[in-house]
Amino acid sequence: VQLQASGGGLVQAGGSLRLSCEASGSIFSIITMAWFRQAPGKERELLASISSDGSTMYGDSVGGRFTISRDIAKNTVHLQMNSLEPEDTAVYFCAAKPRTKNDYDYWGQGTQVTVSS
């Protein structure tokens, strides 16, 4: 499974960005896809996930500002981020969990999101 993330960039506080993650390869093996982020000096944190049945889960830091969705036809998962704050500055990663494991085994390359004040 290969994951290609895109959509990061520089945005002012209060603005929005939409990240995309396209999966290719043995996508039938994926049960859950998720978005994580890691800021300098901080641990990686789970932001949101979406499972094959369409159920979603959000991390505490999202606060209703982020929405995860999927486009099944395009094998793509999106993360819509609104009301961005400087504290959201980080490298954002998409990841996929295979059906046979409890861990996220597949990772995209990361996309930088920078929110200016």
PDB file of N, CA and C in Angstrom:
ATOM      1  N   VAL A   1       0.847  -1.188   0.000  1.00  0.00           N
ATOM      2  CA  VAL A   1       0.000   0.000   0.000  1.00  0.00           C
ATOM      3  C   VAL A   1       0.882   1.237   0.000  1.00  0.00           C
ATOM      4  N   GLN A   2       0.581   2.153  -0.888  1.00  0.00           N
ATOM      5  CA  GLN A   2       1.310   3.428  -0.939  1.00  0.00           C
ATOM      6  C   GLN A   2       0.316   4.556  -0.675  1.00  0.00           C
ATOM      7  N   LEU A   3       0.768   5.529   0.094  1.00  0.00           N
ATOM      8  CA  LEU A   3      -0.073   6.672   0.441  1.00  0.00           C
ATOM      9  C   LEU A   3       0.614   7.953  -0.013  1.00  0.00           C
ATOM     10  N   GLN A   4      -0.120   8.790  -0.711  1.00  0.00           N
ATOM     11  CA  GLN A   4       0.415  10.051  -1.214  1.00  0.00           C
ATOM     12  C   GLN A   4      -0.406  11.187  -0.641  1.00  0.00           C
ATOM     13  N   ALA A   5       0.214  11.956   0.241  1.00  0.00           N
ATOM     14  CA  ALA A   5      -0.471  13.078   0.878  1.00  0.00           C
ATOM     15  C   ALA A   5      -0.196  14.372   0.121  1.00  0.00           C
ATOM     16  N   SER A   6      -1.174  15.254   0.148  1.00  0.00           N
ATOM     17  CA  SER A   6      -1.020  16.550  -0.504  1.00  0.00           C
ATOM     18  C   SER A   6      -1.941  17.567   0.157  1.00  0.00           C
ATOM     19  N   GLY A   7      -1.728  18.829  -0.160  1.00  0.00           N
ATOM     20  CA  GLY A   7      -2.644  19.865   0.291  1.00  0.00           C
ATOM     21  C   GLY A   7      -2.128  20.766   1.390  1.00  0.00           C
ATOM     22  N   GLY A   8      -0.945  20.495   1.901  1.00  0.00           N
ATOM     23  CA  GLY A   8      -0.409  21.354   2.936  1.00  0.00           C
ATOM     24  C   GLY A   8       0.008  22.696   2.369  1.00  0.00           C
ATOM     25  N   GLY A   9       0.388  23.601   3.272  1.00  0.00           N
ATOM     26  CA  GLY A   9       0.827  24.909   2.823  1.00  0.00           C
ATOM     27  C   GLY A   9       0.819  25.913   3.953  1.00  0.00           C
ATOM     28  N   LEU A  10       0.908  27.169   3.573  1.00  0.00           N
ATOM     29  CA  LEU A  10       0.923  28.282   4.522  1.00  0.00           C
ATOM     30  C   LEU A  10      -0.436  28.966   4.495  1.00  0.00           C
ATOM     31  N   VAL A  11      -0.998  29.176   5.678  1.00  0.00           N
ATOM     32  CA  VAL A  11      -2.308  29.818   5.786  1.00  0.00           C
ATOM     33  C   VAL A  11      -2.309  30.719   7.003  1.00  0.00           C
ATOM     34  N   GLN A  12      -3.102  31.767   6.947  1.00  0.00           N
ATOM     35  CA  GLN A  12      -3.218  32.651   8.096  1.00  0.00           C
ATOM     36  C   GLN A  12      -4.163  32.058   9.135  1.00  0.00           C
ATOM     37  N   ALA A  13      -3.989  32.465  10.358  1.00  0.00           N
ATOM     38  CA  ALA A  13      -4.871  32.010  11.433  1.00  0.00           C
ATOM     39  C   ALA A  13      -6.322  32.330  11.083  1.00  0.00           C
ATOM     40  N   GLY A  14      -7.172  31.360  11.352  1.00  0.00           N
ATOM     41  CA  GLY A  14      -8.578  31.491  11.004  1.00  0.00           C
ATOM     42  C   GLY A  14      -8.925  30.924   9.641  1.00  0.00           C
ATOM     43  N   GLY A  15      -7.904  30.608   8.866  1.00  0.00           N
ATOM     44  CA  GLY A  15      -8.126  30.087   7.528  1.00  0.00           C
ATOM     45  C   GLY A  15      -8.382  28.593   7.506  1.00  0.00           C
ATOM     46  N   SER A  16      -8.472  28.060   6.301  1.00  0.00           N
ATOM     47  CA  SER A  16      -8.792  26.645   6.106  1.00  0.00           C
ATOM     48  C   SER A  16      -7.827  26.004   5.119  1.00  0.00           C
ATOM     49  N   LEU A  17      -7.667  24.718   5.270  1.00  0.00           N
ATOM     50  CA  LEU A  17      -6.914  23.904   4.323  1.00  0.00           C
ATOM     51  C   LEU A  17      -7.604  22.560   4.199  1.00  0.00           C
ATOM     52  N   ARG A  18      -7.422  21.947   3.054  1.00  0.00           N
ATOM     53  CA  ARG A  18      -7.946  20.603   2.829  1.00  0.00           C
ATOM     54  C   ARG A  18      -6.805  19.694   2.418  1.00  0.00           C
ATOM     55  N   LEU A  19      -6.528  18.713   3.235  1.00  0.00           N
ATOM     56  CA  LEU A  19      -5.503  17.731   2.924  1.00  0.00           C
ATOM     57  C   LEU A  19      -6.132  16.530   2.236  1.00  0.00           C
ATOM     58  N   SER A  20      -5.357  15.925   1.360  1.00  0.00           N
ATOM     59  CA  SER A  20      -5.819  14.734   0.659  1.00  0.00           C
ATOM     60  C   SER A  20      -4.774  13.634   0.775  1.00  0.00           C
ATOM     61  N   CYS A  21      -5.236  12.408   0.793  1.00  0.00           N
ATOM     62  CA  CYS A  21      -4.349  11.249   0.867  1.00  0.00           C
ATOM     63  C   CYS A  21      -4.892  10.181  -0.074  1.00  0.00           C
ATOM     64  N   GLU A  22      -4.148   9.934  -1.127  1.00  0.00           N
ATOM     65  CA  GLU A  22      -4.556   8.932  -2.106  1.00  0.00           C
ATOM     66  C   GLU A  22      -3.841   7.624  -1.832  1.00  0.00           C
ATOM     67  N   ALA A  23      -4.600   6.562  -1.746  1.00  0.00           N
ATOM     68  CA  ALA A  23      -4.039   5.236  -1.509  1.00  0.00           C
ATOM     69  C   ALA A  23      -3.976   4.456  -2.813  1.00  0.00           C
ATOM     70  N   SER A  24      -2.920   3.675  -2.947  1.00  0.00           N
ATOM     71  CA  SER A  24      -2.778   2.814  -4.115  1.00  0.00           C
ATOM     72  C   SER A  24      -2.162   1.500  -3.663  1.00  0.00           C
ATOM     73  N   GLY A  25      -2.214   0.529  -4.553  1.00  0.00           N
ATOM     74  CA  GLY A  25      -1.683  -0.787  -4.216  1.00  0.00           C
ATOM     75  C   GLY A  25      -2.781  -1.692  -3.676  1.00  0.00           C
ATOM     76  N   SER A  26      -2.474  -2.445  -2.650  1.00  0.00           N
ATOM     77  CA  SER A  26      -3.412  -3.434  -2.103  1.00  0.00           C
ATOM     78  C   SER A  26      -4.400  -2.764  -1.153  1.00  0.00           C
ATOM     79  N   ILE A  27      -5.184  -1.868  -1.682  1.00  0.00           N
ATOM     80  CA  ILE A  27      -6.077  -1.079  -0.833  1.00  0.00           C
ATOM     81  C   ILE A  27      -7.186  -1.928  -0.227  1.00  0.00           C
ATOM     82  N   PHE A  28      -7.451  -3.093  -0.784  1.00  0.00           N
ATOM     83  CA  PHE A  28      -8.477  -3.961  -0.224  1.00  0.00           C
ATOM     84  C   PHE A  28      -8.095  -4.422   1.176  1.00  0.00           C
ATOM     85  N   SER A  29      -6.812  -4.340   1.479  1.00  0.00           N
ATOM     86  CA  SER A  29      -6.320  -4.809   2.770  1.00  0.00           C
ATOM     87  C   SER A  29      -6.488  -3.777   3.885  1.00  0.00           C
ATOM     88  N   ILE A  30      -6.907  -2.566   3.523  1.00  0.00           N
ATOM     89  CA  ILE A  30      -7.011  -1.472   4.493  1.00  0.00           C
ATOM     90  C   ILE A  30      -8.369  -1.483   5.169  1.00  0.00           C
ATOM     91  N   ILE A  31      -8.364  -1.332   6.492  1.00  0.00           N
ATOM     92  CA  ILE A  31      -9.631  -1.227   7.209  1.00  0.00           C
ATOM     93  C   ILE A  31      -9.878   0.178   7.747  1.00  0.00           C
ATOM     94  N   THR A  32      -8.803   0.906   8.029  1.00  0.00           N
ATOM     95  CA  THR A  32      -8.934   2.250   8.585  1.00  0.00           C
ATOM     96  C   THR A  32      -7.854   3.147   8.019  1.00  0.00           C
ATOM     97  N   MET A  33      -8.234   4.387   7.707  1.00  0.00           N
ATOM     98  CA  MET A  33      -7.253   5.400   7.323  1.00  0.00           C
ATOM     99  C   MET A  33      -7.374   6.559   8.289  1.00  0.00           C
ATOM    100  N   ALA A  34      -6.258   7.220   8.503  1.00  0.00           N
ATOM    101  CA  ALA A  34      -6.237   8.248   9.529  1.00  0.00           C
ATOM    102  C   ALA A  34      -5.273   9.367   9.164  1.00  0.00           C
ATOM    103  N   TRP A  35      -5.449  10.475   9.873  1.00  0.00           N
ATOM    104  CA  TRP A  35      -4.520  11.593   9.784  1.00  0.00           C
ATOM    105  C   TRP A  35      -3.887  11.808  11.163  1.00  0.00           C
ATOM    106  N   PHE A  36      -2.572  11.970  11.134  1.00  0.00           N
ATOM    107  CA  PHE A  36      -1.790  12.300  12.313  1.00  0.00           C
ATOM    108  C   PHE A  36      -1.060  13.608  12.040  1.00  0.00           C
ATOM    109  N   ARG A  37      -0.508  14.178  13.076  1.00  0.00           N
ATOM    110  CA  ARG A  37       0.397  15.310  12.893  1.00  0.00           C
ATOM    111  C   ARG A  37       1.488  15.248  13.968  1.00  0.00           C
ATOM    112  N   GLN A  38       2.593  15.884  13.628  1.00  0.00           N
ATOM    113  CA  GLN A  38       3.694  15.977  14.579  1.00  0.00           C
ATOM    114  C   GLN A  38       4.337  17.350  14.461  1.00  0.00           C
ATOM    115  N   ALA A  39       4.306  18.073  15.553  1.00  0.00           N
ATOM    116  CA  ALA A  39       4.943  19.374  15.615  1.00  0.00           C
ATOM    117  C   ALA A  39       6.345  19.212  16.197  1.00  0.00           C
ATOM    118  N   PRO A  40       7.244  20.144  15.922  1.00  0.00           N
ATOM    119  CA  PRO A  40       8.611  20.048  16.450  1.00  0.00           C
ATOM    120  C   PRO A  40       8.613  19.918  17.973  1.00  0.00           C
ATOM    121  N   GLY A  41       9.333  18.933  18.467  1.00  0.00           N
ATOM    122  CA  GLY A  41       9.451  18.741  19.897  1.00  0.00           C
ATOM    123  C   GLY A  41       8.257  18.100  20.550  1.00  0.00           C
ATOM    124  N   LYS A  42       7.264  17.715  19.768  1.00  0.00           N
ATOM    125  CA  LYS A  42       6.059  17.105  20.324  1.00  0.00           C
ATOM    126  C   LYS A  42       5.873  15.705  19.772  1.00  0.00           C
ATOM    127  N   GLU A  43       5.073  14.933  20.476  1.00  0.00           N
ATOM    128  CA  GLU A  43       4.785  13.585  20.021  1.00  0.00           C
ATOM    129  C   GLU A  43       3.762  13.617  18.889  1.00  0.00           C
ATOM    130  N   ARG A  44       3.797  12.580  18.103  1.00  0.00           N
ATOM    131  CA  ARG A  44       2.813  12.448  17.040  1.00  0.00           C
ATOM    132  C   ARG A  44       1.438  12.218  17.654  1.00  0.00           C
ATOM    133  N   GLU A  45       0.422  12.871  17.107  1.00  0.00           N
ATOM    134  CA  GLU A  45      -0.916  12.716  17.648  1.00  0.00           C
ATOM    135  C   GLU A  45      -1.909  12.350  16.550  1.00  0.00           C
ATOM    136  N   LEU A  46      -2.849  11.523  16.942  1.00  0.00           N
ATOM    137  CA  LEU A  46      -3.911  11.106  16.031  1.00  0.00           C
ATOM    138  C   LEU A  46      -4.983  12.190  15.993  1.00  0.00           C
ATOM    139  N   LEU A  47      -5.317  12.623  14.781  1.00  0.00           N
ATOM    140  CA  LEU A  47      -6.315  13.674  14.621  1.00  0.00           C
ATOM    141  C   LEU A  47      -7.693  13.106  14.294  1.00  0.00           C
ATOM    142  N   ALA A  48      -7.728  12.201  13.345  1.00  0.00           N
ATOM    143  CA  ALA A  48      -9.016  11.670  12.909  1.00  0.00           C
ATOM    144  C   ALA A  48      -8.792  10.380  12.145  1.00  0.00           C
ATOM    145  N   SER A  49      -9.796   9.530  12.175  1.00  0.00           N
ATOM    146  CA  SER A  49      -9.727   8.282  11.415  1.00  0.00           C
ATOM    147  C   SER A  49     -11.088   7.982  10.814  1.00  0.00           C
ATOM    148  N   ILE A  50     -11.052   7.197   9.734  1.00  0.00           N
ATOM    149  CA  ILE A  50     -12.287   6.763   9.091  1.00  0.00           C
ATOM    150  C   ILE A  50     -12.116   5.304   8.703  1.00  0.00           C
ATOM    151  N   SER A  51     -13.085   4.498   9.052  1.00  0.00           N
ATOM    152  CA  SER A  51     -12.989   3.067   8.805  1.00  0.00           C
ATOM    153  C   SER A  51     -13.747   2.673   7.542  1.00  0.00           C
ATOM    154  N   SER A  52     -13.586   1.421   7.168  1.00  0.00           N
ATOM    155  CA  SER A  52     -14.175   0.940   5.922  1.00  0.00           C
ATOM    156  C   SER A  52     -15.702   0.989   5.948  1.00  0.00           C
ATOM    157  N   ASP A  53     -16.282   0.987   7.146  1.00  0.00           N
ATOM    158  CA  ASP A  53     -17.742   1.082   7.245  1.00  0.00           C
ATOM    159  C   ASP A  53     -18.222   2.530   7.301  1.00  0.00           C
ATOM    160  N   GLY A  54     -17.275   3.460   7.191  1.00  0.00           N
ATOM    161  CA  GLY A  54     -17.619   4.874   7.175  1.00  0.00           C
ATOM    162  C   GLY A  54     -17.623   5.549   8.535  1.00  0.00           C
ATOM    163  N   SER A  55     -17.420   4.804   9.587  1.00  0.00           N
ATOM    164  CA  SER A  55     -17.417   5.391  10.919  1.00  0.00           C
ATOM    165  C   SER A  55     -16.170   6.241  11.112  1.00  0.00           C
ATOM    166  N   THR A  56     -16.308   7.310  11.852  1.00  0.00           N
ATOM    167  CA  THR A  56     -15.207   8.253  12.057  1.00  0.00           C
ATOM    168  C   THR A  56     -14.918   8.433  13.545  1.00  0.00           C
ATOM    169  N   MET A  57     -13.717   8.847  13.805  1.00  0.00           N
ATOM    170  CA  MET A  57     -13.283   9.140  15.173  1.00  0.00           C
ATOM    171  C   MET A  57     -12.375  10.342  15.124  1.00  0.00           C
ATOM    172  N   TYR A  58     -12.445  11.202  16.142  1.00  0.00           N
ATOM    173  CA  TYR A  58     -11.637  12.407  16.182  1.00  0.00           C
ATOM    174  C   TYR A  58     -10.869  12.495  17.495  1.00  0.00           C
ATOM    175  N   GLY A  59      -9.660  13.022  17.389  1.00  0.00           N
ATOM    176  CA  GLY A  59      -8.870  13.252  18.573  1.00  0.00           C
ATOM    177  C   GLY A  59      -9.346  14.479  19.329  1.00  0.00           C
ATOM    178  N   ASP A  60      -8.927  14.574  20.577  1.00  0.00           N
ATOM    179  CA  ASP A  60      -9.389  15.662  21.437  1.00  0.00           C
ATOM    180  C   ASP A  60      -8.948  17.034  20.943  1.00  0.00           C
ATOM    181  N   SER A  61      -7.796  17.111  20.271  1.00  0.00           N
ATOM    182  CA  SER A  61      -7.261  18.406  19.878  1.00  0.00           C
ATOM    183  C   SER A  61      -7.998  19.023  18.688  1.00  0.00           C
ATOM    184  N   VAL A  62      -8.811  18.223  18.013  1.00  0.00           N
ATOM    185  CA  VAL A  62      -9.490  18.705  16.817  1.00  0.00           C
ATOM    186  C   VAL A  62     -10.569  19.713  17.166  1.00  0.00           C
ATOM    187  N   GLY A  63     -11.312  19.450  18.235  1.00  0.00           N
ATOM    188  CA  GLY A  63     -12.298  20.409  18.723  1.00  0.00           C
ATOM    189  C   GLY A  63     -13.383  20.772  17.741  1.00  0.00           C
ATOM    190  N   GLY A  64     -13.774  19.854  16.892  1.00  0.00           N
ATOM    191  CA  GLY A  64     -14.855  20.131  15.953  1.00  0.00           C
ATOM    192  C   GLY A  64     -14.443  20.958  14.756  1.00  0.00           C
ATOM    193  N   ARG A  65     -13.159  21.289  14.650  1.00  0.00           N
ATOM    194  CA  ARG A  65     -12.701  22.118  13.542  1.00  0.00           C
ATOM    195  C   ARG A  65     -12.320  21.311  12.303  1.00  0.00           C
ATOM    196  N   PHE A  66     -12.007  20.032  12.498  1.00  0.00           N
ATOM    197  CA  PHE A  66     -11.546  19.190  11.397  1.00  0.00           C
ATOM    198  C   PHE A  66     -12.612  18.156  11.050  1.00  0.00           C
ATOM    199  N   THR A  67     -12.676  17.817   9.769  1.00  0.00           N
ATOM    200  CA  THR A  67     -13.603  16.792   9.311  1.00  0.00           C
ATOM    201  C   THR A  67     -12.880  15.844   8.365  1.00  0.00           C
ATOM    202  N   ILE A  68     -12.968  14.559   8.657  1.00  0.00           N
ATOM    203  CA  ILE A  68     -12.376  13.548   7.781  1.00  0.00           C
ATOM    204  C   ILE A  68     -13.481  12.984   6.899  1.00  0.00           C
ATOM    205  N   SER A  69     -13.134  12.732   5.648  1.00  0.00           N
ATOM    206  CA  SER A  69     -14.099  12.164   4.716  1.00  0.00           C
ATOM    207  C   SER A  69     -13.344  11.319   3.698  1.00  0.00           C
ATOM    208  N   ARG A  70     -14.093  10.596   2.889  1.00  0.00           N
ATOM    209  CA  ARG A  70     -13.433   9.749   1.899  1.00  0.00           C
ATOM    210  C   ARG A  70     -14.172   9.809   0.577  1.00  0.00           C
ATOM    211  N   ASP A  71     -13.399   9.592  -0.465  1.00  0.00           N
ATOM    212  CA  ASP A  71     -13.931   9.448  -1.819  1.00  0.00           C
ATOM    213  C   ASP A  71     -13.552   8.047  -2.258  1.00  0.00           C
ATOM    214  N   ILE A  72     -14.497   7.130  -2.126  1.00  0.00           N
ATOM    215  CA  ILE A  72     -14.196   5.724  -2.397  1.00  0.00           C
ATOM    216  C   ILE A  72     -13.755   5.508  -3.836  1.00  0.00           C
ATOM    217  N   ALA A  73     -14.389   6.189  -4.756  1.00  0.00           N
ATOM    218  CA  ALA A  73     -14.077   6.004  -6.174  1.00  0.00           C
ATOM    219  C   ALA A  73     -12.647   6.404  -6.497  1.00  0.00           C
ATOM    220  N   LYS A  74     -12.115   7.354  -5.724  1.00  0.00           N
ATOM    221  CA  LYS A  74     -10.757   7.836  -5.976  1.00  0.00           C
ATOM    222  C   LYS A  74      -9.755   7.314  -4.957  1.00  0.00           C
ATOM    223  N   ASN A  75     -10.202   6.401  -4.091  1.00  0.00           N
ATOM    224  CA  ASN A  75      -9.312   5.842  -3.062  1.00  0.00           C
ATOM    225  C   ASN A  75      -8.608   6.942  -2.277  1.00  0.00           C
ATOM    226  N   THR A  76      -9.348   7.965  -1.942  1.00  0.00           N
ATOM    227  CA  THR A  76      -8.763   9.154  -1.319  1.00  0.00           C
ATOM    228  C   THR A  76      -9.499   9.508  -0.035  1.00  0.00           C
ATOM    229  N   VAL A  77      -8.727   9.904   0.940  1.00  0.00           N
ATOM    230  CA  VAL A  77      -9.276  10.400   2.204  1.00  0.00           C
ATOM    231  C   VAL A  77      -8.878  11.874   2.336  1.00  0.00           C
ATOM    232  N   HIS A  78      -9.819  12.676   2.781  1.00  0.00           N
ATOM    233  CA  HIS A  78      -9.565  14.111   2.938  1.00  0.00           C
ATOM    234  C   HIS A  78      -9.636  14.506   4.405  1.00  0.00           C
ATOM    235  N   LEU A  79      -8.940  15.572   4.731  1.00  0.00           N
ATOM    236  CA  LEU A  79      -9.066  16.185   6.044  1.00  0.00           C
ATOM    237  C   LEU A  79      -9.311  17.670   5.822  1.00  0.00           C
ATOM    238  N   GLN A  80     -10.532  18.083   6.065  1.00  0.00           N
ATOM    239  CA  GLN A  80     -10.886  19.490   5.966  1.00  0.00           C
ATOM    240  C   GLN A  80     -10.602  20.157   7.306  1.00  0.00           C
ATOM    241  N   MET A  81      -9.759  21.178   7.272  1.00  0.00           N
ATOM    242  CA  MET A  81      -9.352  21.853   8.495  1.00  0.00           C
ATOM    243  C   MET A  81      -9.804  23.299   8.451  1.00  0.00           C
ATOM    244  N   ASN A  82     -10.623  23.685   9.389  1.00  0.00           N
ATOM    245  CA  ASN A  82     -11.149  25.041   9.462  1.00  0.00           C
ATOM    246  C   ASN A  82     -10.678  25.730  10.745  1.00  0.00           C
ATOM    247  N   SER A  83     -10.799  27.042  10.754  1.00  0.00           N
ATOM    248  CA  SER A  83     -10.431  27.842  11.939  1.00  0.00           C
ATOM    249  C   SER A  83      -9.038  27.473  12.432  1.00  0.00           C
ATOM    250  N   LEU A  84      -8.107  27.422  11.522  1.00  0.00           N
ATOM    251  CA  LEU A  84      -6.754  26.999  11.876  1.00  0.00           C
ATOM    252  C   LEU A  84      -6.076  28.005  12.796  1.00  0.00           C
ATOM    253  N   GLU A  85      -5.267  27.477  13.682  1.00  0.00           N
ATOM    254  CA  GLU A  85      -4.559  28.267  14.677  1.00  0.00           C
ATOM    255  C   GLU A  85      -3.067  28.026  14.523  1.00  0.00           C
ATOM    256  N   PRO A  86      -2.238  28.960  14.979  1.00  0.00           N
ATOM    257  CA  PRO A  86      -0.784  28.730  14.895  1.00  0.00           C
ATOM    258  C   PRO A  86      -0.361  27.420  15.550  1.00  0.00           C
ATOM    259  N   GLU A  87      -1.091  26.989  16.557  1.00  0.00           N
ATOM    260  CA  GLU A  87      -0.766  25.734  17.235  1.00  0.00           C
ATOM    261  C   GLU A  87      -1.004  24.510  16.351  1.00  0.00           C
ATOM    262  N   ASP A  88      -1.667  24.701  15.231  1.00  0.00           N
ATOM    263  CA  ASP A  88      -1.884  23.602  14.293  1.00  0.00           C
ATOM    264  C   ASP A  88      -0.695  23.397  13.362  1.00  0.00           C
ATOM    265  N   THR A  89       0.303  24.258  13.450  1.00  0.00           N
ATOM    266  CA  THR A  89       1.489  24.115  12.615  1.00  0.00           C
ATOM    267  C   THR A  89       2.194  22.807  12.939  1.00  0.00           C
ATOM    268  N   ALA A  90       2.400  21.991  11.912  1.00  0.00           N
ATOM    269  CA  ALA A  90       2.993  20.666  12.093  1.00  0.00           C
ATOM    270  C   ALA A  90       3.152  20.004  10.726  1.00  0.00           C
ATOM    271  N   VAL A  91       3.800  18.874  10.745  1.00  0.00           N
ATOM    272  CA  VAL A  91       3.795  18.002   9.568  1.00  0.00           C
ATOM    273  C   VAL A  91       2.634  17.024   9.742  1.00  0.00           C
ATOM    274  N   TYR A  92       1.813  16.934   8.734  1.00  0.00           N
ATOM    275  CA  TYR A  92       0.627  16.095   8.778  1.00  0.00           C
ATOM    276  C   TYR A  92       0.871  14.839   7.941  1.00  0.00           C
ATOM    277  N   PHE A  93       0.524  13.706   8.526  1.00  0.00           N
ATOM    278  CA  PHE A  93       0.735  12.415   7.883  1.00  0.00           C
ATOM    279  C   PHE A  93      -0.596  11.675   7.745  1.00  0.00           C
ATOM    280  N   CYS A  94      -0.763  11.001   6.631  1.00  0.00           N
ATOM    281  CA  CYS A  94      -1.857  10.055   6.548  1.00  0.00           C
ATOM    282  C   CYS A  94      -1.291   8.654   6.766  1.00  0.00           C
ATOM    283  N   ALA A  95      -2.145   7.795   7.269  1.00  0.00           N
ATOM    284  CA  ALA A  95      -1.719   6.435   7.596  1.00  0.00           C
ATOM    285  C   ALA A  95      -2.872   5.472   7.358  1.00  0.00           C
ATOM    286  N   ALA A  96      -2.524   4.217   7.180  1.00  0.00           N
ATOM    287  CA  ALA A  96      -3.529   3.188   6.940  1.00  0.00           C
ATOM    288  C   ALA A  96      -3.254   1.976   7.814  1.00  0.00           C
ATOM    289  N   LYS A  97      -4.343   1.415   8.304  1.00  0.00           N
ATOM    290  CA  LYS A  97      -4.249   0.229   9.156  1.00  0.00           C
ATOM    291  C   LYS A  97      -4.775  -0.966   8.386  1.00  0.00           C
ATOM    292  N   PRO A  98      -3.990  -2.027   8.274  1.00  0.00           N
ATOM    293  CA  PRO A  98      -4.489  -3.208   7.560  1.00  0.00           C
ATOM    294  C   PRO A  98      -5.491  -3.988   8.408  1.00  0.00           C
ATOM    295  N   ARG A  99      -6.291  -4.783   7.743  1.00  0.00           N
ATOM    296  CA  ARG A  99      -7.321  -5.561   8.428  1.00  0.00           C
ATOM    297  C   ARG A  99      -6.748  -6.544   9.424  1.00  0.00           C
ATOM    298  N   THR A 100      -5.534  -6.973   9.187  1.00  0.00           N
ATOM    299  CA  THR A 100      -4.951  -8.044   9.989  1.00  0.00           C
ATOM    300  C   THR A 100      -4.177  -7.546  11.199  1.00  0.00           C
ATOM    301  N   LYS A 101      -4.089  -6.222  11.359  1.00  0.00           N
ATOM    302  CA  LYS A 101      -3.296  -5.689  12.463  1.00  0.00           C
ATOM    303  C   LYS A 101      -4.024  -4.563  13.184  1.00  0.00           C
ATOM    304  N   ASN A 102      -3.536  -4.235  14.360  1.00  0.00           N
ATOM    305  CA  ASN A 102      -4.091  -3.126  15.128  1.00  0.00           C
ATOM    306  C   ASN A 102      -3.268  -1.849  15.003  1.00  0.00           C
ATOM    307  N   ASP A 103      -2.189  -1.903  14.251  1.00  0.00           N
ATOM    308  CA  ASP A 103      -1.310  -0.749  14.112  1.00  0.00           C
ATOM    309  C   ASP A 103      -1.422  -0.150  12.722  1.00  0.00           C
ATOM    310  N   TYR A 104      -1.060   1.120  12.623  1.00  0.00           N
ATOM    311  CA  TYR A 104      -1.002   1.778  11.329  1.00  0.00           C
ATOM    312  C   TYR A 104       0.338   1.413  10.685  1.00  0.00           C
ATOM    313  N   ASP A 105       0.288   0.533   9.727  1.00  0.00           N
ATOM    314  CA  ASP A 105       1.498  -0.003   9.105  1.00  0.00           C
ATOM    315  C   ASP A 105       1.976   0.814   7.925  1.00  0.00           C
ATOM    316  N   TYR A 106       1.082   1.549   7.312  1.00  0.00           N
ATOM    317  CA  TYR A 106       1.409   2.283   6.092  1.00  0.00           C
ATOM    318  C   TYR A 106       1.309   3.784   6.354  1.00  0.00           C
ATOM    319  N   TRP A 107       2.332   4.492   5.861  1.00  0.00           N
ATOM    320  CA  TRP A 107       2.401   5.932   6.123  1.00  0.00           C
ATOM    321  C   TRP A 107       2.719   6.691   4.845  1.00  0.00           C
ATOM    322  N   GLY A 108       2.102   7.852   4.728  1.00  0.00           N
ATOM    323  CA  GLY A 108       2.442   8.744   3.644  1.00  0.00           C
ATOM    324  C   GLY A 108       3.681   9.549   4.001  1.00  0.00           C
ATOM    325  N   GLN A 109       4.110  10.395   3.095  1.00  0.00           N
ATOM    326  CA  GLN A 109       5.374  11.112   3.247  1.00  0.00           C
ATOM    327  C   GLN A 109       5.267  12.348   4.125  1.00  0.00           C
ATOM    328  N   GLY A 110       4.073  12.769   4.482  1.00  0.00           N
ATOM    329  CA  GLY A 110       3.945  13.955   5.302  1.00  0.00           C
ATOM    330  C   GLY A 110       3.816  15.215   4.464  1.00  0.00           C
ATOM    331  N   THR A 111       2.985  16.121   4.939  1.00  0.00           N
ATOM    332  CA  THR A 111       2.828  17.405   4.261  1.00  0.00           C
ATOM    333  C   THR A 111       2.823  18.506   5.322  1.00  0.00           C
ATOM    334  N   GLN A 112       3.585  19.556   5.064  1.00  0.00           N
ATOM    335  CA  GLN A 112       3.760  20.615   6.057  1.00  0.00           C
ATOM    336  C   GLN A 112       2.569  21.569   6.034  1.00  0.00           C
ATOM    337  N   VAL A 113       2.053  21.848   7.214  1.00  0.00           N
ATOM    338  CA  VAL A 113       1.024  22.866   7.391  1.00  0.00           C
ATOM    339  C   VAL A 113       1.585  23.929   8.324  1.00  0.00           C
ATOM    340  N   THR A 114       1.587  25.157   7.858  1.00  0.00           N
ATOM    341  CA  THR A 114       2.080  26.267   8.663  1.00  0.00           C
ATOM    342  C   THR A 114       0.984  27.321   8.774  1.00  0.00           C
ATOM    343  N   VAL A 115       0.644  27.666  10.005  1.00  0.00           N
ATOM    344  CA  VAL A 115      -0.400  28.657  10.254  1.00  0.00           C
ATOM    345  C   VAL A 115       0.255  29.883  10.878  1.00  0.00           C
ATOM    346  N   SER A 116       0.150  30.996  10.202  1.00  0.00           N
ATOM    347  CA  SER A 116       0.764  32.222  10.690  1.00  0.00           C
ATOM    348  C   SER A 116      -0.249  33.027  11.510  1.00  0.00           C
ATOM    349  N   SER A 117       0.265  33.740  12.491  1.00  0.00           N
ATOM    350  CA  SER A 117      -0.612  34.534  13.371  1.00  0.00           C
ATOM    351  C   SER A 117      -0.838  35.929  12.823  1.00  0.00           C
TER     352      SER A 117
END
